């Protein structure tokens, strides 16, 4: 099984989600820095990343809470199902494409289609476990341990994402990340 950056996608039938989104949605292109949704504004958009990547940021800053890379689902789930205010800005990290749908169709679909309902439940359960693991790492592991875990699980991230964004995701400043990398080179 392919290891996803977004661990909450593991165990989901990604092809089910891609097919659902493509059959009811549209392909959009966003330039680097453009938002898929903005914190505090109603959002009904969810989808998946076709190319590029998106970052989940807080309050229009570079405080990065997460990323969505190609094939990953993207959106402020579950807010998007109710057209509720988004909790994050979801911003294209570089020129990107995403398949998107109006997510307000999902609750009815989950009720009417057994497999869709199962996938929706799995998604919420997996998202909770992923979030709990992220919080655990932030509070129980050192910055060095978090960095080593990140590059061990996702070595490609250093080619795909600027170091400043990796530092923000790890919740350390870029200088600390440079020091960690320098110390590792000396070993």
N, C-alpha and C. Protein backbone atom coordinates (compact mmCIF):
# COMPACT_ATOMS: atom_id res chain seq x y z
N UNK A 1 0.85 -1.19 0.00
CA UNK A 1 0.00 0.00 0.00
C UNK A 1 0.89 1.25 0.00
N UNK A 2 0.53 2.22 -0.80
CA UNK A 2 1.27 3.47 -0.87
C UNK A 2 1.13 4.22 0.45
N UNK A 3 2.25 4.75 0.95
CA UNK A 3 2.26 5.53 2.18
C UNK A 3 1.87 6.96 1.84
N UNK A 4 0.79 7.43 2.41
CA UNK A 4 0.31 8.78 2.17
C UNK A 4 0.91 9.74 3.19
N UNK A 5 1.20 10.96 2.74
CA UNK A 5 1.61 11.99 3.68
C UNK A 5 0.49 12.22 4.69
N UNK A 6 -0.73 12.31 4.18
CA UNK A 6 -1.90 12.48 5.04
C UNK A 6 -2.34 11.09 5.48
N UNK A 7 -1.88 10.67 6.66
CA UNK A 7 -2.10 9.30 7.10
C UNK A 7 -3.58 8.96 7.25
N UNK A 8 -4.44 9.96 7.37
CA UNK A 8 -5.86 9.66 7.49
C UNK A 8 -6.44 9.09 6.19
N UNK A 9 -5.67 9.09 5.11
CA UNK A 9 -6.14 8.53 3.85
C UNK A 9 -5.87 7.03 3.75
N UNK A 10 -4.97 6.54 4.61
CA UNK A 10 -4.66 5.12 4.57
C UNK A 10 -5.86 4.32 5.05
N UNK A 11 -6.16 3.28 4.32
CA UNK A 11 -7.32 2.48 4.65
C UNK A 11 -8.58 2.92 3.92
N UNK A 12 -8.52 4.10 3.31
CA UNK A 12 -9.67 4.56 2.51
C UNK A 12 -9.51 4.05 1.09
N UNK A 13 -10.61 3.91 0.41
CA UNK A 13 -10.60 3.58 -1.00
C UNK A 13 -10.47 4.90 -1.77
N UNK A 14 -9.24 5.30 -2.00
CA UNK A 14 -8.97 6.60 -2.65
C UNK A 14 -9.62 6.65 -4.03
N UNK A 15 -9.61 5.53 -4.73
CA UNK A 15 -10.22 5.53 -6.07
C UNK A 15 -11.72 5.81 -5.98
N UNK A 16 -12.38 5.31 -4.93
CA UNK A 16 -13.80 5.62 -4.72
C UNK A 16 -13.99 7.13 -4.65
N UNK A 17 -13.18 7.80 -3.83
CA UNK A 17 -13.30 9.25 -3.66
C UNK A 17 -12.99 9.99 -4.95
N UNK A 18 -11.92 9.58 -5.65
CA UNK A 18 -11.57 10.24 -6.91
C UNK A 18 -12.70 10.10 -7.93
N UNK A 19 -13.24 8.88 -8.06
CA UNK A 19 -14.33 8.66 -9.02
C UNK A 19 -15.55 9.49 -8.65
N UNK A 20 -15.90 9.51 -7.35
CA UNK A 20 -17.05 10.30 -6.90
C UNK A 20 -16.87 11.77 -7.24
N UNK A 21 -15.70 12.30 -6.93
CA UNK A 21 -15.43 13.72 -7.14
C UNK A 21 -15.41 14.06 -8.63
N UNK A 22 -14.75 13.23 -9.43
CA UNK A 22 -14.69 13.51 -10.87
C UNK A 22 -16.06 13.40 -11.53
N UNK A 23 -16.90 12.47 -11.05
CA UNK A 23 -18.21 12.29 -11.69
C UNK A 23 -19.18 13.42 -11.37
N UNK A 24 -18.93 14.16 -10.30
CA UNK A 24 -19.87 15.22 -9.89
C UNK A 24 -19.21 16.60 -9.79
N UNK A 25 -17.95 16.66 -10.17
CA UNK A 25 -17.23 17.91 -9.96
C UNK A 25 -16.59 18.48 -11.21
N UNK A 26 -15.62 19.32 -10.96
CA UNK A 26 -14.90 19.96 -12.06
C UNK A 26 -13.44 20.14 -11.67
N UNK A 27 -12.59 20.25 -12.68
CA UNK A 27 -11.16 20.46 -12.49
C UNK A 27 -10.90 21.96 -12.46
N UNK A 28 -10.20 22.43 -11.43
CA UNK A 28 -9.86 23.85 -11.33
C UNK A 28 -8.34 24.00 -11.22
N UNK A 29 -7.85 25.12 -11.69
CA UNK A 29 -6.43 25.46 -11.59
C UNK A 29 -6.28 26.65 -10.66
N UNK A 30 -5.31 26.58 -9.77
CA UNK A 30 -5.02 27.69 -8.87
C UNK A 30 -3.55 28.04 -9.00
N UNK A 31 -3.27 29.32 -9.02
CA UNK A 31 -1.89 29.79 -9.03
C UNK A 31 -1.34 29.76 -7.62
N UNK A 32 -0.02 29.70 -7.51
CA UNK A 32 0.63 29.72 -6.20
C UNK A 32 0.07 30.90 -5.39
N UNK A 33 -0.36 30.61 -4.16
CA UNK A 33 -0.87 31.65 -3.27
C UNK A 33 -2.38 31.84 -3.32
N UNK A 34 -3.05 31.29 -4.35
CA UNK A 34 -4.51 31.40 -4.41
C UNK A 34 -5.16 30.43 -3.43
N UNK A 35 -6.31 30.85 -2.90
CA UNK A 35 -7.00 30.06 -1.88
C UNK A 35 -8.12 29.21 -2.47
N UNK A 36 -8.18 27.99 -1.98
CA UNK A 36 -9.31 27.12 -2.27
C UNK A 36 -10.46 27.51 -1.34
N UNK A 37 -10.13 27.86 -0.11
CA UNK A 37 -11.11 28.42 0.83
C UNK A 37 -10.37 29.26 1.86
N UNK A 38 -11.12 30.15 2.52
CA UNK A 38 -10.53 31.07 3.49
C UNK A 38 -11.16 30.86 4.87
N UNK A 39 -10.31 30.94 5.87
CA UNK A 39 -10.78 30.80 7.25
C UNK A 39 -11.89 31.82 7.53
N UNK A 40 -12.95 31.31 8.17
CA UNK A 40 -14.04 32.18 8.57
C UNK A 40 -15.10 32.40 7.51
N UNK A 41 -14.80 32.05 6.26
CA UNK A 41 -15.78 32.21 5.18
C UNK A 41 -16.46 30.86 4.92
N UNK A 42 -17.74 30.89 4.58
CA UNK A 42 -18.43 29.62 4.28
C UNK A 42 -17.71 28.88 3.16
N UNK A 43 -17.61 27.57 3.31
CA UNK A 43 -17.00 26.75 2.28
C UNK A 43 -17.86 25.52 2.03
N UNK A 44 -18.00 25.17 0.78
CA UNK A 44 -18.71 23.96 0.40
C UNK A 44 -17.85 23.12 -0.54
N UNK A 45 -16.56 23.41 -0.58
CA UNK A 45 -15.66 22.77 -1.54
C UNK A 45 -14.84 21.68 -0.88
N UNK A 46 -14.85 20.52 -1.51
CA UNK A 46 -13.86 19.50 -1.19
C UNK A 46 -13.49 18.83 -2.50
N UNK A 47 -12.40 18.13 -2.49
CA UNK A 47 -11.95 17.48 -3.71
C UNK A 47 -10.69 16.70 -3.48
N UNK A 48 -9.91 16.58 -4.55
CA UNK A 48 -8.60 15.95 -4.41
C UNK A 48 -7.60 16.68 -5.29
N UNK A 49 -6.34 16.57 -4.91
CA UNK A 49 -5.25 17.27 -5.59
C UNK A 49 -4.83 16.45 -6.80
N UNK A 50 -4.90 17.07 -7.96
CA UNK A 50 -4.42 16.41 -9.18
C UNK A 50 -2.93 16.68 -9.37
N UNK A 51 -2.51 17.94 -9.18
CA UNK A 51 -1.09 18.29 -9.31
C UNK A 51 -0.78 19.46 -8.39
N UNK A 52 0.50 19.60 -8.09
CA UNK A 52 0.92 20.65 -7.16
C UNK A 52 0.68 20.21 -5.73
N UNK A 53 0.47 21.18 -4.85
CA UNK A 53 0.12 20.86 -3.47
C UNK A 53 -0.57 22.05 -2.83
N UNK A 54 -1.27 21.76 -1.74
CA UNK A 54 -1.97 22.78 -0.97
C UNK A 54 -1.48 22.74 0.46
N UNK A 55 -1.50 23.90 1.09
CA UNK A 55 -1.12 23.97 2.50
C UNK A 55 -2.29 24.55 3.29
N UNK A 56 -2.47 24.01 4.47
CA UNK A 56 -3.51 24.47 5.39
C UNK A 56 -2.84 25.47 6.32
N UNK A 57 -3.24 26.73 6.21
CA UNK A 57 -2.59 27.78 6.99
C UNK A 57 -3.60 28.43 7.94
N UNK A 58 -3.06 29.15 8.90
CA UNK A 58 -3.88 29.77 9.93
C UNK A 58 -3.78 31.28 9.84
N UNK A 59 -4.92 31.94 9.78
CA UNK A 59 -5.01 33.40 9.85
C UNK A 59 -4.17 34.13 8.82
N UNK A 60 -4.09 33.60 7.61
CA UNK A 60 -3.38 34.28 6.54
C UNK A 60 -1.88 34.37 6.75
N UNK A 61 -1.36 33.54 7.65
CA UNK A 61 0.08 33.54 7.92
C UNK A 61 0.71 32.29 7.33
N UNK A 62 1.98 32.13 7.58
CA UNK A 62 2.67 30.92 7.14
C UNK A 62 2.65 29.85 8.22
N UNK A 63 1.76 29.95 9.19
CA UNK A 63 1.62 28.88 10.19
C UNK A 63 0.91 27.73 9.49
N UNK A 64 1.65 26.69 9.20
CA UNK A 64 1.14 25.58 8.40
C UNK A 64 0.74 24.42 9.30
N UNK A 65 -0.52 24.03 9.19
CA UNK A 65 -1.01 22.90 9.98
C UNK A 65 -1.00 21.60 9.21
N UNK A 66 -0.92 21.68 7.88
CA UNK A 66 -0.91 20.46 7.09
C UNK A 66 -0.72 20.74 5.62
N UNK A 67 -0.53 19.66 4.88
CA UNK A 67 -0.36 19.72 3.44
C UNK A 67 -1.29 18.71 2.78
N UNK A 68 -1.61 18.93 1.53
CA UNK A 68 -2.30 17.94 0.70
C UNK A 68 -1.52 17.88 -0.62
N UNK A 69 -1.01 16.70 -0.93
CA UNK A 69 -0.21 16.47 -2.13
C UNK A 69 -1.03 15.70 -3.16
N UNK A 70 -0.49 15.49 -4.38
CA UNK A 70 -1.26 14.80 -5.42
C UNK A 70 -1.90 13.50 -4.93
N UNK A 71 -3.14 13.32 -5.33
CA UNK A 71 -4.03 12.20 -5.01
C UNK A 71 -4.74 12.37 -3.67
N UNK A 72 -4.25 13.25 -2.79
CA UNK A 72 -4.85 13.43 -1.47
C UNK A 72 -6.15 14.21 -1.56
N UNK A 73 -7.06 13.90 -0.66
CA UNK A 73 -8.27 14.69 -0.53
C UNK A 73 -7.91 16.05 0.04
N UNK A 74 -8.65 17.07 -0.37
CA UNK A 74 -8.38 18.42 0.10
C UNK A 74 -9.72 19.11 0.37
N UNK A 75 -9.76 19.87 1.43
CA UNK A 75 -10.97 20.60 1.79
C UNK A 75 -11.04 20.73 3.30
N UNK A 76 -11.90 21.59 3.75
CA UNK A 76 -12.09 21.78 5.18
C UNK A 76 -13.25 20.89 5.62
N UNK A 77 -12.92 19.60 5.75
CA UNK A 77 -13.90 18.58 6.07
C UNK A 77 -14.02 18.49 7.58
N UNK A 78 -15.16 18.49 8.20
CA UNK A 78 -16.49 18.38 7.66
C UNK A 78 -17.21 19.71 7.45
N UNK A 79 -16.55 20.85 7.69
CA UNK A 79 -17.22 22.15 7.51
C UNK A 79 -17.86 22.28 6.13
N UNK A 80 -17.18 21.76 5.13
CA UNK A 80 -17.66 21.92 3.75
C UNK A 80 -19.00 21.23 3.50
N UNK A 81 -19.33 20.23 4.29
CA UNK A 81 -20.60 19.52 4.06
C UNK A 81 -21.80 20.38 4.46
N UNK A 82 -21.58 21.35 5.33
CA UNK A 82 -22.66 22.22 5.81
C UNK A 82 -22.53 23.65 5.32
N UNK A 83 -21.56 23.90 4.41
CA UNK A 83 -21.26 25.25 3.96
C UNK A 83 -20.97 26.15 5.16
N UNK A 84 -20.30 25.58 6.14
CA UNK A 84 -19.95 26.29 7.38
C UNK A 84 -18.65 27.07 7.17
N UNK A 85 -18.35 28.00 8.08
CA UNK A 85 -17.09 28.74 7.96
C UNK A 85 -15.88 27.81 8.04
N UNK A 86 -14.95 28.03 7.16
CA UNK A 86 -13.72 27.22 7.14
C UNK A 86 -12.88 27.51 8.36
N UNK A 87 -12.19 26.48 8.82
CA UNK A 87 -11.29 26.63 9.97
C UNK A 87 -9.89 27.06 9.53
N UNK A 88 -9.58 26.88 8.24
CA UNK A 88 -8.25 27.15 7.71
C UNK A 88 -8.34 27.91 6.39
N UNK A 89 -7.25 28.55 6.03
CA UNK A 89 -7.04 28.96 4.65
C UNK A 89 -6.40 27.75 3.98
N UNK A 90 -6.91 27.33 2.86
CA UNK A 90 -6.28 26.26 2.08
C UNK A 90 -5.73 26.92 0.83
N UNK A 91 -4.40 26.96 0.75
CA UNK A 91 -3.68 27.79 -0.21
C UNK A 91 -2.82 26.92 -1.12
N UNK A 92 -2.82 27.21 -2.42
CA UNK A 92 -1.94 26.51 -3.34
C UNK A 92 -0.49 26.85 -3.01
N UNK A 93 0.32 25.82 -2.76
CA UNK A 93 1.73 26.03 -2.45
C UNK A 93 2.56 26.34 -3.69
N UNK A 94 2.04 25.93 -4.84
CA UNK A 94 2.61 26.27 -6.15
C UNK A 94 1.45 26.14 -7.12
N UNK A 95 1.65 26.46 -8.39
CA UNK A 95 0.56 26.31 -9.35
C UNK A 95 0.05 24.88 -9.24
N UNK A 96 -1.25 24.73 -9.03
CA UNK A 96 -1.83 23.43 -8.70
C UNK A 96 -3.17 23.23 -9.40
N UNK A 97 -3.56 21.96 -9.52
CA UNK A 97 -4.87 21.61 -10.03
C UNK A 97 -5.56 20.71 -9.02
N UNK A 98 -6.87 20.89 -8.90
CA UNK A 98 -7.65 20.05 -8.01
C UNK A 98 -9.01 19.77 -8.65
N UNK A 99 -9.48 18.56 -8.47
CA UNK A 99 -10.85 18.23 -8.79
C UNK A 99 -11.67 18.60 -7.58
N UNK A 100 -12.76 19.36 -7.76
CA UNK A 100 -13.58 19.78 -6.63
C UNK A 100 -15.05 19.50 -6.88
N UNK A 101 -15.79 19.34 -5.78
CA UNK A 101 -17.24 19.18 -5.83
C UNK A 101 -17.88 20.08 -4.79
N UNK A 102 -19.17 20.24 -4.92
CA UNK A 102 -19.99 20.89 -3.90
C UNK A 102 -20.23 19.83 -2.83
N UNK A 103 -19.57 19.95 -1.71
CA UNK A 103 -19.61 18.93 -0.67
C UNK A 103 -20.92 18.87 0.09
N UNK A 104 -21.81 19.83 -0.14
CA UNK A 104 -23.10 19.77 0.56
C UNK A 104 -23.95 18.59 0.08
N UNK A 105 -23.52 17.93 -1.01
CA UNK A 105 -24.22 16.73 -1.47
C UNK A 105 -23.85 15.50 -0.65
N UNK A 106 -22.76 15.57 0.09
CA UNK A 106 -22.25 14.38 0.77
C UNK A 106 -23.17 13.82 1.85
N UNK A 107 -23.74 14.62 2.75
CA UNK A 107 -24.60 14.01 3.78
C UNK A 107 -25.73 13.15 3.21
N UNK A 108 -26.40 13.64 2.19
CA UNK A 108 -27.48 12.87 1.57
C UNK A 108 -26.92 11.61 0.91
N UNK A 109 -25.79 11.76 0.23
CA UNK A 109 -25.15 10.62 -0.42
C UNK A 109 -24.76 9.56 0.61
N UNK A 110 -24.23 10.00 1.76
CA UNK A 110 -23.85 9.06 2.81
C UNK A 110 -25.05 8.28 3.34
N UNK A 111 -26.21 8.92 3.37
CA UNK A 111 -27.43 8.24 3.83
C UNK A 111 -27.96 7.26 2.78
N UNK A 112 -27.86 7.62 1.52
CA UNK A 112 -28.47 6.83 0.46
C UNK A 112 -27.58 5.70 -0.07
N UNK A 113 -26.28 5.86 0.03
CA UNK A 113 -25.35 4.89 -0.55
C UNK A 113 -24.53 4.27 0.58
N UNK A 114 -24.69 2.97 0.78
CA UNK A 114 -24.02 2.28 1.90
C UNK A 114 -22.51 2.43 1.83
N UNK A 115 -21.92 2.24 0.65
CA UNK A 115 -20.45 2.35 0.53
C UNK A 115 -19.99 3.78 0.76
N UNK A 116 -20.72 4.75 0.25
CA UNK A 116 -20.35 6.16 0.49
C UNK A 116 -20.42 6.46 1.99
N UNK A 117 -21.45 5.97 2.67
CA UNK A 117 -21.57 6.17 4.11
C UNK A 117 -20.42 5.53 4.87
N UNK A 118 -20.05 4.32 4.44
CA UNK A 118 -18.91 3.63 5.08
C UNK A 118 -17.62 4.41 4.87
N UNK A 119 -17.40 4.89 3.64
CA UNK A 119 -16.20 5.67 3.35
C UNK A 119 -16.18 6.98 4.16
N UNK A 120 -17.33 7.62 4.30
CA UNK A 120 -17.41 8.84 5.10
C UNK A 120 -17.06 8.58 6.56
N UNK A 121 -17.58 7.47 7.12
CA UNK A 121 -17.25 7.13 8.51
C UNK A 121 -15.78 6.80 8.67
N UNK A 122 -15.23 6.02 7.72
CA UNK A 122 -13.80 5.69 7.76
C UNK A 122 -12.94 6.95 7.70
N UNK A 123 -13.36 7.87 6.84
CA UNK A 123 -12.61 9.12 6.71
C UNK A 123 -12.57 9.89 8.03
N UNK A 124 -13.71 10.03 8.70
CA UNK A 124 -13.76 10.75 9.97
C UNK A 124 -12.95 10.03 11.05
N UNK A 125 -13.05 8.72 11.11
CA UNK A 125 -12.30 7.95 12.10
C UNK A 125 -10.80 8.08 11.86
N UNK A 126 -10.39 7.92 10.62
CA UNK A 126 -8.97 8.03 10.28
C UNK A 126 -8.44 9.43 10.52
N UNK A 127 -9.25 10.43 10.22
CA UNK A 127 -8.83 11.82 10.45
C UNK A 127 -8.60 12.07 11.94
N UNK A 128 -9.45 11.52 12.78
CA UNK A 128 -9.29 11.70 14.22
C UNK A 128 -7.98 11.05 14.70
N UNK A 129 -7.71 9.83 14.26
CA UNK A 129 -6.48 9.13 14.66
C UNK A 129 -5.25 9.91 14.18
N UNK A 130 -5.31 10.39 12.95
CA UNK A 130 -4.20 11.17 12.39
C UNK A 130 -3.95 12.44 13.20
N UNK A 131 -5.03 13.13 13.54
CA UNK A 131 -4.91 14.36 14.33
C UNK A 131 -4.33 14.06 15.71
N UNK A 132 -4.79 13.00 16.35
CA UNK A 132 -4.27 12.63 17.67
C UNK A 132 -2.78 12.31 17.58
N UNK A 133 -2.36 11.61 16.54
CA UNK A 133 -0.94 11.30 16.37
C UNK A 133 -0.11 12.56 16.15
N UNK A 134 -0.66 13.50 15.39
CA UNK A 134 0.07 14.76 15.15
C UNK A 134 0.24 15.54 16.45
N UNK A 135 -0.83 15.65 17.23
CA UNK A 135 -0.71 16.34 18.52
C UNK A 135 0.28 15.63 19.43
N UNK A 136 0.24 14.31 19.46
CA UNK A 136 1.19 13.57 20.29
C UNK A 136 2.62 13.92 19.89
N UNK A 137 2.91 13.89 18.59
CA UNK A 137 4.27 14.18 18.11
C UNK A 137 4.69 15.60 18.49
N UNK A 138 3.78 16.57 18.37
CA UNK A 138 4.12 17.95 18.70
C UNK A 138 4.48 18.13 20.17
N UNK A 139 3.83 17.37 21.02
CA UNK A 139 4.05 17.56 22.46
C UNK A 139 5.02 16.55 23.08
N UNK A 140 5.20 15.40 22.45
CA UNK A 140 6.03 14.36 23.06
C UNK A 140 7.38 14.17 22.38
N UNK A 141 7.56 14.73 21.21
CA UNK A 141 8.81 14.53 20.48
C UNK A 141 9.55 15.85 20.32
N UNK A 142 10.85 15.75 20.23
CA UNK A 142 11.67 16.93 20.00
C UNK A 142 11.55 17.36 18.54
N UNK A 143 11.99 18.56 18.25
CA UNK A 143 11.99 19.05 16.86
C UNK A 143 12.83 18.13 15.98
N UNK A 144 13.95 17.68 16.49
CA UNK A 144 14.82 16.77 15.73
C UNK A 144 14.09 15.47 15.43
N UNK A 145 13.43 14.91 16.42
CA UNK A 145 12.69 13.66 16.21
C UNK A 145 11.56 13.84 15.19
N UNK A 146 10.86 14.97 15.27
CA UNK A 146 9.78 15.22 14.30
C UNK A 146 10.34 15.35 12.89
N UNK A 147 11.47 16.03 12.75
CA UNK A 147 12.09 16.18 11.43
C UNK A 147 12.53 14.82 10.90
N UNK A 148 13.20 14.03 11.73
CA UNK A 148 13.66 12.71 11.28
C UNK A 148 12.48 11.81 10.89
N UNK A 149 11.41 11.85 11.67
CA UNK A 149 10.22 11.08 11.32
C UNK A 149 9.67 11.53 9.96
N UNK A 150 9.61 12.83 9.76
CA UNK A 150 9.07 13.38 8.52
C UNK A 150 9.87 12.94 7.31
N UNK A 151 11.18 13.10 7.35
CA UNK A 151 11.98 12.75 6.16
C UNK A 151 12.13 11.23 5.99
N UNK A 152 12.00 10.49 7.09
CA UNK A 152 12.02 9.03 6.97
C UNK A 152 10.75 8.54 6.27
N UNK A 153 9.61 9.06 6.67
CA UNK A 153 8.33 8.64 6.09
C UNK A 153 8.08 9.25 4.72
N UNK A 154 8.60 10.45 4.47
CA UNK A 154 8.30 11.19 3.24
C UNK A 154 9.56 11.89 2.72
N UNK A 155 10.55 11.11 2.26
CA UNK A 155 11.81 11.74 1.83
C UNK A 155 11.66 12.74 0.69
N UNK A 156 10.64 12.59 -0.13
CA UNK A 156 10.43 13.48 -1.27
C UNK A 156 10.02 14.89 -0.85
N UNK A 157 9.56 15.05 0.38
CA UNK A 157 9.05 16.36 0.80
C UNK A 157 10.10 17.46 0.66
N UNK A 158 11.35 17.12 0.87
CA UNK A 158 12.38 18.16 0.77
C UNK A 158 12.61 18.63 -0.66
N UNK A 159 12.21 17.84 -1.64
CA UNK A 159 12.31 18.28 -3.03
C UNK A 159 11.04 19.03 -3.46
N UNK A 160 9.93 18.76 -2.80
CA UNK A 160 8.64 19.31 -3.20
C UNK A 160 8.23 20.59 -2.49
N UNK A 161 8.74 20.79 -1.28
CA UNK A 161 8.26 21.87 -0.42
C UNK A 161 9.45 22.70 0.07
N UNK A 162 9.34 24.02 0.04
CA UNK A 162 10.43 24.87 0.55
C UNK A 162 10.72 24.59 2.03
N UNK A 163 11.99 24.72 2.40
CA UNK A 163 12.42 24.46 3.78
C UNK A 163 11.65 25.30 4.79
N UNK A 164 11.35 26.53 4.42
CA UNK A 164 10.60 27.40 5.33
C UNK A 164 9.24 26.79 5.67
N UNK A 165 8.58 26.21 4.67
CA UNK A 165 7.27 25.59 4.90
C UNK A 165 7.40 24.31 5.72
N UNK A 166 8.47 23.55 5.50
CA UNK A 166 8.70 22.36 6.31
C UNK A 166 8.90 22.77 7.77
N UNK A 167 9.68 23.82 8.00
CA UNK A 167 9.88 24.32 9.37
C UNK A 167 8.56 24.74 10.00
N UNK A 168 7.73 25.46 9.24
CA UNK A 168 6.43 25.89 9.77
C UNK A 168 5.57 24.69 10.13
N UNK A 169 5.56 23.67 9.28
CA UNK A 169 4.78 22.47 9.54
C UNK A 169 5.27 21.77 10.82
N UNK A 170 6.58 21.74 11.01
CA UNK A 170 7.16 21.12 12.21
C UNK A 170 7.02 22.01 13.45
N UNK A 171 6.55 23.23 13.24
CA UNK A 171 6.38 24.24 14.29
C UNK A 171 7.71 24.59 14.95
N UNK A 172 8.69 24.82 14.07
CA UNK A 172 9.99 25.32 14.49
C UNK A 172 10.36 26.45 13.54
N UNK A 173 11.33 27.26 13.94
CA UNK A 173 11.72 28.31 13.00
C UNK A 173 12.74 27.75 12.01
N UNK A 174 12.89 28.39 10.85
CA UNK A 174 13.80 27.88 9.82
C UNK A 174 15.25 27.76 10.29
N UNK A 175 15.68 28.63 11.19
CA UNK A 175 17.05 28.54 11.72
C UNK A 175 17.24 27.25 12.50
N UNK A 176 16.25 26.89 13.30
CA UNK A 176 16.32 25.63 14.04
C UNK A 176 16.39 24.45 13.09
N UNK A 177 15.61 24.48 12.03
CA UNK A 177 15.66 23.40 11.04
C UNK A 177 17.05 23.32 10.42
N UNK A 178 17.64 24.44 10.07
CA UNK A 178 19.00 24.45 9.52
C UNK A 178 20.00 23.85 10.50
N UNK A 179 19.86 24.19 11.77
CA UNK A 179 20.77 23.64 12.79
C UNK A 179 20.60 22.14 12.92
N UNK A 180 19.38 21.67 12.89
CA UNK A 180 19.12 20.22 12.97
C UNK A 180 19.78 19.51 11.79
N UNK A 181 19.58 20.05 10.60
CA UNK A 181 20.14 19.43 9.40
C UNK A 181 21.67 19.45 9.43
N UNK A 182 22.24 20.56 9.89
CA UNK A 182 23.68 20.68 9.98
C UNK A 182 24.26 19.66 10.97
N UNK A 183 23.60 19.52 12.12
CA UNK A 183 24.04 18.55 13.13
C UNK A 183 23.95 17.13 12.59
N UNK A 184 22.93 16.84 11.83
CA UNK A 184 22.78 15.48 11.26
C UNK A 184 23.87 15.19 10.23
N UNK A 185 24.29 16.21 9.49
CA UNK A 185 25.37 16.02 8.50
C UNK A 185 26.69 15.70 9.17
N UNK A 186 26.89 16.22 10.39
CA UNK A 186 28.15 15.99 11.12
C UNK A 186 28.23 14.58 11.71
N UNK A 187 27.11 13.91 11.81
CA UNK A 187 27.11 12.57 12.41
C UNK A 187 27.72 11.56 11.51
